Amino acid sequence: MRTFAELHDSRVRSITQHGDEVFVEFPYIYLHVSEGEPFQSPGNGCGQSGRLVFSGVQSISIPDLPDADAFDVWEGSIWIDGRHLDNVFEVPLCVKASEIRAELRLNVGHVFTVSCKGVSYTALSEPRFIERLRA
């Protein structure tokens, strides 16, 4: 089985920087679990809480977010040495590269961007079944 996280339709609780690391907390990130291609093959849709960690940060733009519980991600991208992951990344994710960039567009009109040398995803809860997905 393969698991893919979808940034679109996920929710961000916070974006914080500590030294050369940035932590993006997701109270909810949508997962597609299947034996085939992400969001094209039959499988299960699940949700879980998780954290993206960007390490070796070289440049960053963290928006001032208004007070709220969480924010919807409208669109998200990660580029690893030029390879574009458009709204989707495979879990587990733990990559070091010469150039990593990421961008998250949130429903409140704010955009988070980062350039760094590493990115990883950590699950903070077990996946919760939401729906069966058909091809």
C-alpha atoms as a PDB file:
ATOM      1  CA  MET A   1       0.000   0.000   0.000  1.00  0.00           C
ATOM      2  CA  ARG A   2       1.072   3.560  -0.723  1.00  0.00           C
ATOM      3  CA  THR A   3      -0.003   6.668   1.160  1.00  0.00           C
ATOM      4  CA  PHE A   4      -0.129  10.156  -0.309  1.00  0.00           C
ATOM      5  CA  ALA A   5      -0.893  13.396   1.536  1.00  0.00           C
ATOM      6  CA  GLU A   6      -2.890  16.065  -0.276  1.00  0.00           C
ATOM      7  CA  LEU A   7      -2.092  19.634   0.731  1.00  0.00           C
ATOM      8  CA  HIS A   8      -5.247  20.996  -0.935  1.00  0.00           C
ATOM      9  CA  ASP A   9      -8.225  20.387   1.357  1.00  0.00           C
ATOM     10  CA  SER A  10      -5.959  20.115   4.404  1.00  0.00           C
ATOM     11  CA  ARG A  11      -5.927  22.551   7.323  1.00  0.00           C
ATOM     12  CA  VAL A  12      -2.996  24.447   8.883  1.00  0.00           C
ATOM     13  CA  ARG A  13      -3.066  25.333  12.580  1.00  0.00           C
ATOM     14  CA  SER A  14       0.269  27.149  12.821  1.00  0.00           C
ATOM     15  CA  ILE A  15       3.537  27.980  11.070  1.00  0.00           C
ATOM     16  CA  THR A  16       6.464  28.647  13.412  1.00  0.00           C
ATOM     17  CA  GLN A  17      10.209  29.060  13.048  1.00  0.00           C
ATOM     18  CA  HIS A  18      12.793  27.852  15.574  1.00  0.00           C
ATOM     19  CA  GLY A  19      16.361  28.519  14.457  1.00  0.00           C
ATOM     20  CA  ASP A  20      16.848  27.110  10.962  1.00  0.00           C
ATOM     21  CA  GLU A  21      13.709  24.923  11.142  1.00  0.00           C
ATOM     22  CA  VAL A  22      10.110  25.764  10.283  1.00  0.00           C
ATOM     23  CA  PHE A  23       7.199  23.702  11.600  1.00  0.00           C
ATOM     24  CA  VAL A  24       3.848  23.579   9.807  1.00  0.00           C
ATOM     25  CA  GLU A  25       1.194  21.979  12.043  1.00  0.00           C
ATOM     26  CA  PHE A  26      -1.801  20.299  10.419  1.00  0.00           C
ATOM     27  CA  PRO A  27      -4.752  19.412  12.669  1.00  0.00           C
ATOM     28  CA  TYR A  28      -6.093  17.717   9.520  1.00  0.00           C
ATOM     29  CA  ILE A  29      -4.302  16.522   6.405  1.00  0.00           C
ATOM     30  CA  TYR A  30      -6.100  14.435   3.786  1.00  0.00           C
ATOM     31  CA  LEU A  31      -4.537  11.065   2.864  1.00  0.00           C
ATOM     32  CA  HIS A  32      -5.158   8.707  -0.067  1.00  0.00           C
ATOM     33  CA  VAL A  33      -4.189   5.116   0.712  1.00  0.00           C
ATOM     34  CA  SER A  34      -4.111   2.692  -2.226  1.00  0.00           C
ATOM     35  CA  GLU A  35      -2.008   0.271  -4.210  1.00  0.00           C
ATOM     36  CA  GLY A  36      -1.953   2.518  -7.274  1.00  0.00           C
ATOM     37  CA  GLU A  37      -1.451   6.111  -8.299  1.00  0.00           C
ATOM     38  CA  PRO A  38      -2.431   8.940  -5.964  1.00  0.00           C
ATOM     39  CA  PHE A  39      -6.007  10.132  -6.377  1.00  0.00           C
ATOM     40  CA  GLN A  40      -6.434   8.060  -9.561  1.00  0.00           C
ATOM     41  CA  SER A  41      -6.636   4.517  -8.171  1.00  0.00           C
ATOM     42  CA  PRO A  42      -9.287   3.042  -5.882  1.00  0.00           C
ATOM     43  CA  GLY A  43      -8.441   3.219  -2.211  1.00  0.00           C
ATOM     44  CA  ASN A  44      -9.387   4.874   1.039  1.00  0.00           C
ATOM     45  CA  GLY A  45      -9.550   8.556   1.927  1.00  0.00           C
ATOM     46  CA  CYS A  46      -8.364   9.226   5.471  1.00  0.00           C
ATOM     47  CA  GLY A  47      -7.502  12.167   7.664  1.00  0.00           C
ATOM     48  CA  GLN A  48      -4.801  12.609  10.275  1.00  0.00           C
ATOM     49  CA  SER A  49      -2.949  15.313  12.134  1.00  0.00           C
ATOM     50  CA  GLY A  50       0.672  15.825  11.158  1.00  0.00           C
ATOM     51  CA  ARG A  51       3.654  18.122  10.893  1.00  0.00           C
ATOM     52  CA  LEU A  52       5.845  19.240   8.002  1.00  0.00           C
ATOM     53  CA  VAL A  53       9.337  20.281   9.094  1.00  0.00           C
ATOM     54  CA  PHE A  54      11.530  22.336   6.792  1.00  0.00           C
ATOM     55  CA  SER A  55      15.204  22.285   7.861  1.00  0.00           C
ATOM     56  CA  GLY A  56      18.265  24.196   6.783  1.00  0.00           C
ATOM     57  CA  VAL A  57      16.051  27.195   6.009  1.00  0.00           C
ATOM     58  CA  GLN A  58      17.678  29.732   3.686  1.00  0.00           C
ATOM     59  CA  SER A  59      14.768  32.114   3.100  1.00  0.00           C
ATOM     60  CA  ILE A  60      11.238  32.269   4.419  1.00  0.00           C
ATOM     61  CA  SER A  61       8.043  34.279   4.338  1.00  0.00           C
ATOM     62  CA  ILE A  62       5.628  33.487   7.160  1.00  0.00           C
ATOM     63  CA  PRO A  63       2.373  35.456   6.957  1.00  0.00           C
ATOM     64  CA  ASP A  64       0.809  37.079   9.997  1.00  0.00           C
ATOM     65  CA  LEU A  65      -2.237  34.872  10.391  1.00  0.00           C
ATOM     66  CA  PRO A  66      -5.421  36.198  11.991  1.00  0.00           C
ATOM     67  CA  ASP A  67      -6.679  34.505  15.156  1.00  0.00           C
ATOM     68  CA  ALA A  68      -8.488  31.313  14.192  1.00  0.00           C
ATOM     69  CA  ASP A  69      -8.467  27.618  14.997  1.00  0.00           C
ATOM     70  CA  ALA A  70      -7.066  26.575  11.600  1.00  0.00           C
ATOM     71  CA  PHE A  71      -6.883  27.655   7.971  1.00  0.00           C
ATOM     72  CA  ASP A  72      -7.771  25.757   4.796  1.00  0.00           C
ATOM     73  CA  VAL A  73      -4.983  25.134   2.308  1.00  0.00           C
ATOM     74  CA  TRP A  74      -6.200  26.133  -1.142  1.00  0.00           C
ATOM     75  CA  GLU A  75      -3.057  25.081  -2.950  1.00  0.00           C
ATOM     76  CA  GLY A  76       0.333  23.710  -2.010  1.00  0.00           C
ATOM     77  CA  SER A  77       3.524  22.833  -3.840  1.00  0.00           C
ATOM     78  CA  ILE A  78       6.922  21.437  -2.952  1.00  0.00           C
ATOM     79  CA  TRP A  79       9.871  21.489  -5.371  1.00  0.00           C
ATOM     80  CA  ILE A  80      12.792  19.138  -4.670  1.00  0.00           C
ATOM     81  CA  ASP A  81      15.795  19.861  -6.895  1.00  0.00           C
ATOM     82  CA  GLY A  82      13.368  21.126  -9.549  1.00  0.00           C
ATOM     83  CA  ARG A  83      10.903  18.195  -9.322  1.00  0.00           C
ATOM     84  CA  HIS A  84       7.435  19.623  -8.671  1.00  0.00           C
ATOM     85  CA  LEU A  85       5.117  17.906  -6.192  1.00  0.00           C
ATOM     86  CA  ASP A  86       1.830  19.627  -7.012  1.00  0.00           C
ATOM     87  CA  ASN A  87      -0.466  19.443  -3.953  1.00  0.00           C
ATOM     88  CA  VAL A  88       0.587  15.826  -3.239  1.00  0.00           C
ATOM     89  CA  PHE A  89       3.535  14.115  -1.560  1.00  0.00           C
ATOM     90  CA  GLU A  90       4.152  10.489  -0.662  1.00  0.00           C
ATOM     91  CA  VAL A  91       4.241   9.539   3.014  1.00  0.00           C
ATOM     92  CA  PRO A  92       6.652   8.911   4.606  1.00  0.00           C
ATOM     93  CA  LEU A  93       8.566  11.984   3.480  1.00  0.00           C
ATOM     94  CA  CYS A  94      12.119  12.670   4.625  1.00  0.00           C
ATOM     95  CA  VAL A  95      14.306  14.374   2.005  1.00  0.00           C
ATOM     96  CA  LYS A  96      17.580  16.285   1.993  1.00  0.00           C
ATOM     97  CA  ALA A  97      18.461  18.054  -1.268  1.00  0.00           C
ATOM     98  CA  SER A  98      20.522  20.917  -2.623  1.00  0.00           C
ATOM     99  CA  GLU A  99      17.355  22.954  -3.259  1.00  0.00           C
ATOM    100  CA  ILE A 100      13.905  22.560  -1.725  1.00  0.00           C
ATOM    101  CA  ARG A 101      11.168  25.172  -2.069  1.00  0.00           C
ATOM    102  CA  ALA A 102       7.610  25.087  -0.802  1.00  0.00           C
ATOM    103  CA  GLU A 103       4.548  27.289  -1.046  1.00  0.00           C
ATOM    104  CA  LEU A 104       1.201  27.049   0.748  1.00  0.00           C
ATOM    105  CA  ARG A 105      -1.712  29.297  -0.259  1.00  0.00           C
ATOM    106  CA  LEU A 106      -4.253  29.612   2.546  1.00  0.00           C
ATOM    107  CA  ASN A 107      -7.950  30.482   2.354  1.00  0.00           C
ATOM    108  CA  VAL A 108      -7.370  33.779   4.158  1.00  0.00           C
ATOM    109  CA  GLY A 109      -5.345  35.029   1.188  1.00  0.00           C
ATOM    110  CA  HIS A 110      -1.947  34.538   2.806  1.00  0.00           C
ATOM    111  CA  VAL A 111       0.979  32.679   1.241  1.00  0.00           C
ATOM    112  CA  PHE A 112       3.748  30.843   3.105  1.00  0.00           C
ATOM    113  CA  THR A 113       7.009  30.260   1.214  1.00  0.00           C
ATOM    114  CA  VAL A 114      10.279  28.644   2.229  1.00  0.00           C
ATOM    115  CA  SER A 115      13.592  27.688   0.617  1.00  0.00           C
ATOM    116  CA  CYS A 116      15.604  25.091   2.487  1.00  0.00           C
ATOM    117  CA  LYS A 117      17.750  21.948   2.368  1.00  0.00           C
ATOM    118  CA  GLY A 118      15.418  19.394   3.993  1.00  0.00           C
ATOM    119  CA  VAL A 119      11.749  18.496   4.413  1.00  0.00           C
ATOM    120  CA  SER A 120      10.025  15.763   6.406  1.00  0.00           C
ATOM    121  CA  TYR A 121       6.503  14.798   7.392  1.00  0.00           C
ATOM    122  CA  THR A 122       5.603  13.269  10.754  1.00  0.00           C
ATOM    123  CA  ALA A 123       2.188  11.807  11.551  1.00  0.00           C
ATOM    124  CA  LEU A 124       0.811  13.014  14.879  1.00  0.00           C
ATOM    125  CA  SER A 125      -2.193  10.667  14.903  1.00  0.00           C
ATOM    126  CA  GLU A 126      -3.347   7.448  13.330  1.00  0.00           C
ATOM    127  CA  PRO A 127      -5.206   7.821  10.011  1.00  0.00           C
ATOM    128  CA  ARG A 128      -9.005   8.080  10.438  1.00  0.00           C
ATOM    129  CA  PHE A 129     -11.127   6.522   7.683  1.00  0.00           C
ATOM    130  CA  ILE A 130     -13.318   9.044   5.836  1.00  0.00           C
ATOM    131  CA  GLU A 131     -14.375   7.488   2.541  1.00  0.00           C
ATOM    132  CA  ARG A 132     -13.826   4.807  -0.085  1.00  0.00           C
ATOM    133  CA  LEU A 133     -12.363   6.178  -3.289  1.00  0.00           C
ATOM    134  CA  ARG A 134     -13.169   4.725  -6.697  1.00  0.00           C
ATOM    135  CA  ALA A 135     -11.075   5.156  -9.836  1.00  0.00           C
END
